[in-house]
């Protein structure tokens, strides 16, 4: 399996159906899936456990994905973790370019997600 090394993917989304669906899909591909319902939970999770990739919803309560990304990038312990940004809202070209150019965001996905595309990108980034 592609994720046989037990790499951990943290799914961060305030929609429990999305975190559950993505978790089941990723585990089926051989990855360990962890979940967080908001950015603060995500920051707590990356401090508690090794995380190899973060799937980060941008629009969430408590701490949104933009602020979470900023905090991940600002901490030397988490700055190198690759991030896939996910949103149900369209990002204009300037915001997309800034996010992709100034951060460790490796991919951007619009909801609803096409799982096969996500799976391919996860495999590419995690090797």
C-alpha atoms as a PDB file:
ATOM      1  CA  UNK A   1       0.000   0.000   0.000  1.00  0.00           C
ATOM      2  CA  UNK A   2       1.101   3.540  -0.679  1.00  0.00           C
ATOM      3  CA  UNK A   3       0.941   4.659   2.956  1.00  0.00           C
ATOM      4  CA  UNK A   4       2.464   1.499   4.411  1.00  0.00           C
ATOM      5  CA  UNK A   5       4.949   3.502   6.485  1.00  0.00           C
ATOM      6  CA  UNK A   6       2.034   4.586   8.703  1.00  0.00           C
ATOM      7  CA  UNK A   7       2.271   8.209   7.754  1.00  0.00           C
ATOM      8  CA  UNK A   8      -0.272  10.384   9.538  1.00  0.00           C
ATOM      9  CA  UNK A   9      -2.613  12.753   7.723  1.00  0.00           C
ATOM     10  CA  UNK A  10      -4.455  15.280   9.898  1.00  0.00           C
ATOM     11  CA  UNK A  11      -7.875  16.174   8.472  1.00  0.00           C
ATOM     12  CA  UNK A  12      -9.037  19.567   9.773  1.00  0.00           C
ATOM     13  CA  UNK A  13     -12.644  20.470   9.023  1.00  0.00           C
ATOM     14  CA  UNK A  14     -15.620  21.618  11.077  1.00  0.00           C
ATOM     15  CA  UNK A  15     -17.911  19.230   9.164  1.00  0.00           C
ATOM     16  CA  UNK A  16     -17.748  15.826  10.900  1.00  0.00           C
ATOM     17  CA  UNK A  17     -19.038  14.063   7.771  1.00  0.00           C
ATOM     18  CA  UNK A  18     -16.054  15.364   5.804  1.00  0.00           C
ATOM     19  CA  UNK A  19     -13.503  14.401   8.448  1.00  0.00           C
ATOM     20  CA  UNK A  20     -15.068  10.941   8.710  1.00  0.00           C
ATOM     21  CA  UNK A  21     -15.223  10.398   4.935  1.00  0.00           C
ATOM     22  CA  UNK A  22     -11.669  11.582   4.351  1.00  0.00           C
ATOM     23  CA  UNK A  23     -10.426   9.562   7.322  1.00  0.00           C
ATOM     24  CA  UNK A  24     -11.989   6.355   6.007  1.00  0.00           C
ATOM     25  CA  UNK A  25     -10.637   7.036   2.515  1.00  0.00           C
ATOM     26  CA  UNK A  26      -7.096   7.741   3.744  1.00  0.00           C
ATOM     27  CA  UNK A  27      -7.056   4.716   6.037  1.00  0.00           C
ATOM     28  CA  UNK A  28      -8.152   2.623   3.066  1.00  0.00           C
ATOM     29  CA  UNK A  29      -5.054   3.890   1.271  1.00  0.00           C
ATOM     30  CA  UNK A  30      -2.837   2.806   4.167  1.00  0.00           C
ATOM     31  CA  UNK A  31      -2.392   6.114   5.981  1.00  0.00           C
ATOM     32  CA  UNK A  32      -3.173   6.823   9.613  1.00  0.00           C
ATOM     33  CA  UNK A  33      -5.882   9.492   9.772  1.00  0.00           C
ATOM     34  CA  UNK A  34      -6.339  11.939  12.618  1.00  0.00           C
ATOM     35  CA  UNK A  35      -8.954  14.674  12.749  1.00  0.00           C
ATOM     36  CA  UNK A  36      -9.548  18.109  14.228  1.00  0.00           C
ATOM     37  CA  UNK A  37     -12.730  20.197  14.119  1.00  0.00           C
ATOM     38  CA  UNK A  38     -11.020  23.598  13.991  1.00  0.00           C
ATOM     39  CA  UNK A  39      -7.649  25.266  13.739  1.00  0.00           C
ATOM     40  CA  UNK A  40      -6.975  25.306  17.470  1.00  0.00           C
ATOM     41  CA  UNK A  41      -7.556  21.551  17.685  1.00  0.00           C
ATOM     42  CA  UNK A  42      -5.225  21.133  14.701  1.00  0.00           C
ATOM     43  CA  UNK A  43      -2.442  23.105  16.384  1.00  0.00           C
ATOM     44  CA  UNK A  44      -2.890  21.015  19.535  1.00  0.00           C
ATOM     45  CA  UNK A  45      -2.793  17.806  17.468  1.00  0.00           C
ATOM     46  CA  UNK A  46       0.471  18.626  15.680  1.00  0.00           C
ATOM     47  CA  UNK A  47       2.094  19.328  19.042  1.00  0.00           C
ATOM     48  CA  UNK A  48       0.921  15.971  20.466  1.00  0.00           C
ATOM     49  CA  UNK A  49       1.788  13.674  17.573  1.00  0.00           C
ATOM     50  CA  UNK A  50       3.885  13.454  14.440  1.00  0.00           C
ATOM     51  CA  UNK A  51       1.851  14.622  11.456  1.00  0.00           C
ATOM     52  CA  UNK A  52       3.117  14.111   7.904  1.00  0.00           C
ATOM     53  CA  UNK A  53       0.435  16.102   6.051  1.00  0.00           C
ATOM     54  CA  UNK A  54      -2.403  18.457   7.010  1.00  0.00           C
ATOM     55  CA  UNK A  55      -5.630  18.685   5.003  1.00  0.00           C
ATOM     56  CA  UNK A  56      -6.846  22.093   6.141  1.00  0.00           C
ATOM     57  CA  UNK A  57     -10.295  23.564   5.599  1.00  0.00           C
ATOM     58  CA  UNK A  58      -9.978  27.329   5.265  1.00  0.00           C
ATOM     59  CA  UNK A  59     -13.411  28.341   6.595  1.00  0.00           C
ATOM     60  CA  UNK A  60     -13.940  27.151  10.179  1.00  0.00           C
ATOM     61  CA  UNK A  61     -15.078  28.605  13.502  1.00  0.00           C
ATOM     62  CA  UNK A  62     -12.760  29.154  16.497  1.00  0.00           C
ATOM     63  CA  UNK A  63      -9.584  29.456  14.393  1.00  0.00           C
ATOM     64  CA  UNK A  64      -9.918  29.516  10.610  1.00  0.00           C
ATOM     65  CA  UNK A  65      -7.575  27.825   8.164  1.00  0.00           C
ATOM     66  CA  UNK A  66      -5.755  31.020   7.175  1.00  0.00           C
ATOM     67  CA  UNK A  67      -4.750  31.781  10.769  1.00  0.00           C
ATOM     68  CA  UNK A  68      -3.955  28.122  11.407  1.00  0.00           C
ATOM     69  CA  UNK A  69      -1.681  28.057   8.371  1.00  0.00           C
ATOM     70  CA  UNK A  70       0.043  31.231   9.563  1.00  0.00           C
ATOM     71  CA  UNK A  71       0.683  29.690  12.988  1.00  0.00           C
ATOM     72  CA  UNK A  72       1.903  26.405  11.513  1.00  0.00           C
ATOM     73  CA  UNK A  73       4.333  28.310   9.283  1.00  0.00           C
ATOM     74  CA  UNK A  74       5.480  30.512  12.160  1.00  0.00           C
ATOM     75  CA  UNK A  75       6.510  27.611  14.395  1.00  0.00           C
ATOM     76  CA  UNK A  76       9.841  25.959  13.470  1.00  0.00           C
ATOM     77  CA  UNK A  77       8.516  22.645  14.820  1.00  0.00           C
ATOM     78  CA  UNK A  78       5.613  22.597  12.336  1.00  0.00           C
ATOM     79  CA  UNK A  79       6.704  24.880   9.483  1.00  0.00           C
ATOM     80  CA  UNK A  80       7.871  22.015   7.256  1.00  0.00           C
ATOM     81  CA  UNK A  81       4.619  20.021   7.436  1.00  0.00           C
ATOM     82  CA  UNK A  82       3.028  20.048   3.973  1.00  0.00           C
ATOM     83  CA  UNK A  83      -0.524  21.401   3.841  1.00  0.00           C
ATOM     84  CA  UNK A  84      -3.364  20.888   1.377  1.00  0.00           C
ATOM     85  CA  UNK A  85      -5.861  23.750   1.612  1.00  0.00           C
ATOM     86  CA  UNK A  86      -9.542  22.886   1.165  1.00  0.00           C
ATOM     87  CA  UNK A  87     -12.451  25.270   0.764  1.00  0.00           C
ATOM     88  CA  UNK A  88     -16.027  25.424  -0.371  1.00  0.00           C
ATOM     89  CA  UNK A  89     -15.467  29.023  -1.421  1.00  0.00           C
ATOM     90  CA  UNK A  90     -13.626  30.177  -4.503  1.00  0.00           C
ATOM     91  CA  UNK A  91     -10.333  31.947  -3.801  1.00  0.00           C
ATOM     92  CA  UNK A  92      -9.520  34.797  -6.124  1.00  0.00           C
ATOM     93  CA  UNK A  93      -6.283  34.526  -8.108  1.00  0.00           C
ATOM     94  CA  UNK A  94      -4.360  36.915  -5.847  1.00  0.00           C
ATOM     95  CA  UNK A  95      -5.294  35.048  -2.638  1.00  0.00           C
ATOM     96  CA  UNK A  96      -4.559  31.679  -4.270  1.00  0.00           C
ATOM     97  CA  UNK A  97      -1.139  32.840  -5.490  1.00  0.00           C
ATOM     98  CA  UNK A  98      -0.258  34.361  -2.109  1.00  0.00           C
ATOM     99  CA  UNK A  99      -1.283  31.230  -0.226  1.00  0.00           C
ATOM    100  CA  UNK A 100       0.618  28.919  -2.568  1.00  0.00           C
ATOM    101  CA  UNK A 101       3.679  31.163  -2.810  1.00  0.00           C
ATOM    102  CA  UNK A 102       4.209  32.190   0.806  1.00  0.00           C
ATOM    103  CA  UNK A 103       3.471  28.961   2.617  1.00  0.00           C
ATOM    104  CA  UNK A 104       3.931  25.228   2.623  1.00  0.00           C
ATOM    105  CA  UNK A 105       0.608  24.716   0.829  1.00  0.00           C
ATOM    106  CA  UNK A 106       1.245  22.012  -1.754  1.00  0.00           C
ATOM    107  CA  UNK A 107      -2.259  21.842  -3.233  1.00  0.00           C
ATOM    108  CA  UNK A 108      -5.627  23.577  -3.123  1.00  0.00           C
ATOM    109  CA  UNK A 109      -8.892  21.665  -3.460  1.00  0.00           C
ATOM    110  CA  UNK A 110     -12.414  22.989  -3.852  1.00  0.00           C
ATOM    111  CA  UNK A 111     -15.277  21.168  -2.157  1.00  0.00           C
ATOM    112  CA  UNK A 112     -16.775  18.819  -3.069  1.00  0.00           C
ATOM    113  CA  UNK A 113     -13.511  16.895  -3.240  1.00  0.00           C
ATOM    114  CA  UNK A 114     -12.771  14.342  -5.915  1.00  0.00           C
ATOM    115  CA  UNK A 115     -11.199  11.635  -3.752  1.00  0.00           C
ATOM    116  CA  UNK A 116      -9.110  10.105  -6.540  1.00  0.00           C
ATOM    117  CA  UNK A 117      -7.405  13.470  -7.199  1.00  0.00           C
ATOM    118  CA  UNK A 118      -6.796  13.947  -3.490  1.00  0.00           C
ATOM    119  CA  UNK A 119      -5.395  10.429  -3.173  1.00  0.00           C
ATOM    120  CA  UNK A 120      -2.963  10.986  -6.047  1.00  0.00           C
ATOM    121  CA  UNK A 121      -1.666  14.246  -4.548  1.00  0.00           C
ATOM    122  CA  UNK A 122      -1.299  12.687  -1.075  1.00  0.00           C
ATOM    123  CA  UNK A 123       0.735   9.849  -2.574  1.00  0.00           C
ATOM    124  CA  UNK A 124       2.912  12.328  -4.507  1.00  0.00           C
ATOM    125  CA  UNK A 125       3.643  14.504  -1.490  1.00  0.00           C
ATOM    126  CA  UNK A 126       4.176  11.672   0.993  1.00  0.00           C
ATOM    127  CA  UNK A 127       6.018   9.442  -1.462  1.00  0.00           C
END
